[in-house]
Amino acid sequence: MTVENAIMRLNDLIMEREQLKELIQKEMKYDISEAAKTSVIATVDFLKDEIETLKDILKELD
């Protein structure tokens, strides 16, 4: 894989994770249990960390 391809793939992964994070956050608008809210928050936090990691890798490649 070339560096250019890796950069494009990382950008795609970041965009996908950000979209997924936004969709999951919308679940908080619904009347859900506290356990479900905790799960949603944990998932969003995980995705935020993953996005930051991918961005750090991308910076190293540029």
C-alpha atoms as a PDB file:
ATOM      1  CA  MET A   1       0.000   0.000   0.000  1.00  0.00           C
ATOM      2  CA  THR A   2       1.355   3.387  -0.929  1.00  0.00           C
ATOM      3  CA  VAL A   3       1.431   6.280   1.507  1.00  0.00           C
ATOM      4  CA  GLU A   4      -1.179   8.061  -0.601  1.00  0.00           C
ATOM      5  CA  ASN A   5      -3.503   5.061  -0.406  1.00  0.00           C
ATOM      6  CA  ALA A   6      -2.938   4.777   3.335  1.00  0.00           C
ATOM      7  CA  ILE A   7      -3.786   8.466   3.775  1.00  0.00           C
ATOM      8  CA  MET A   8      -6.968   8.084   1.733  1.00  0.00           C
ATOM      9  CA  ARG A   9      -7.980   4.997   3.723  1.00  0.00           C
ATOM     10  CA  LEU A  10      -7.320   6.718   7.045  1.00  0.00           C
ATOM     11  CA  ASN A  11      -9.428   9.685   5.946  1.00  0.00           C
ATOM     12  CA  ASP A  12     -12.228   7.289   4.994  1.00  0.00           C
ATOM     13  CA  LEU A  13     -11.998   5.514   8.362  1.00  0.00           C
ATOM     14  CA  ILE A  14     -12.094   8.828  10.232  1.00  0.00           C
ATOM     15  CA  MET A  15     -15.154   9.957   8.284  1.00  0.00           C
ATOM     16  CA  GLU A  16     -16.927   6.622   8.863  1.00  0.00           C
ATOM     17  CA  ARG A  17     -16.205   6.711  12.603  1.00  0.00           C
ATOM     18  CA  GLU A  18     -17.407  10.314  12.883  1.00  0.00           C
ATOM     19  CA  GLN A  19     -20.665   9.447  11.115  1.00  0.00           C
ATOM     20  CA  LEU A  20     -21.140   6.416  13.344  1.00  0.00           C
ATOM     21  CA  LYS A  21     -20.462   8.527  16.440  1.00  0.00           C
ATOM     22  CA  GLU A  22     -23.108  11.044  15.349  1.00  0.00           C
ATOM     23  CA  LEU A  23     -25.685   8.312  14.698  1.00  0.00           C
ATOM     24  CA  ILE A  24     -25.052   6.709  18.063  1.00  0.00           C
ATOM     25  CA  GLN A  25     -25.280  10.052  19.862  1.00  0.00           C
ATOM     26  CA  LYS A  26     -28.758  10.529  18.380  1.00  0.00           C
ATOM     27  CA  GLU A  27     -29.869   7.518  20.426  1.00  0.00           C
ATOM     28  CA  MET A  28     -29.631   9.723  23.523  1.00  0.00           C
ATOM     29  CA  LYS A  29     -32.646  11.674  22.250  1.00  0.00           C
ATOM     30  CA  TYR A  30     -34.874   8.658  22.722  1.00  0.00           C
ATOM     31  CA  ASP A  31     -36.345   7.440  25.987  1.00  0.00           C
ATOM     32  CA  ILE A  32     -33.849   4.713  26.820  1.00  0.00           C
ATOM     33  CA  SER A  33     -32.791   3.085  30.062  1.00  0.00           C
ATOM     34  CA  GLU A  34     -29.872   4.301  32.127  1.00  0.00           C
ATOM     35  CA  ALA A  35     -27.944   1.165  31.194  1.00  0.00           C
ATOM     36  CA  ALA A  36     -28.468   1.919  27.512  1.00  0.00           C
ATOM     37  CA  LYS A  37     -27.389   5.530  28.042  1.00  0.00           C
ATOM     38  CA  THR A  38     -24.226   4.324  29.760  1.00  0.00           C
ATOM     39  CA  SER A  39     -23.540   2.004  26.840  1.00  0.00           C
ATOM     40  CA  VAL A  40     -24.114   4.792  24.306  1.00  0.00           C
ATOM     41  CA  ILE A  41     -21.770   7.124  26.187  1.00  0.00           C
ATOM     42  CA  ALA A  42     -19.076   4.445  26.431  1.00  0.00           C
ATOM     43  CA  THR A  43     -19.362   3.686  22.715  1.00  0.00           C
ATOM     44  CA  VAL A  44     -19.134   7.359  21.782  1.00  0.00           C
ATOM     45  CA  ASP A  45     -16.096   7.799  24.029  1.00  0.00           C
ATOM     46  CA  PHE A  46     -14.454   4.777  22.403  1.00  0.00           C
ATOM     47  CA  LEU A  47     -15.140   6.179  18.928  1.00  0.00           C
ATOM     48  CA  LYS A  48     -13.746   9.592  19.908  1.00  0.00           C
ATOM     49  CA  ASP A  49     -10.536   7.931  21.105  1.00  0.00           C
ATOM     50  CA  GLU A  50     -10.319   5.870  17.934  1.00  0.00           C
ATOM     51  CA  ILE A  51     -10.837   8.959  15.759  1.00  0.00           C
ATOM     52  CA  GLU A  52      -8.060  10.795  17.594  1.00  0.00           C
ATOM     53  CA  THR A  53      -5.723   7.819  17.172  1.00  0.00           C
ATOM     54  CA  LEU A  54      -6.454   7.665  13.448  1.00  0.00           C
ATOM     55  CA  LYS A  55      -5.844  11.411  13.138  1.00  0.00           C
ATOM     56  CA  ASP A  56      -2.506  11.040  14.949  1.00  0.00           C
ATOM     57  CA  ILE A  57      -1.464   8.285  12.536  1.00  0.00           C
ATOM     58  CA  LEU A  58      -2.540  10.452   9.621  1.00  0.00           C
ATOM     59  CA  LYS A  59      -0.421  13.364  10.900  1.00  0.00           C
ATOM     60  CA  GLU A  60       2.609  11.086  11.070  1.00  0.00           C
ATOM     61  CA  LEU A  61       2.106  10.066   7.435  1.00  0.00           C
ATOM     62  CA  ASP A  62       1.802  13.630   6.137  1.00  0.00           C
END
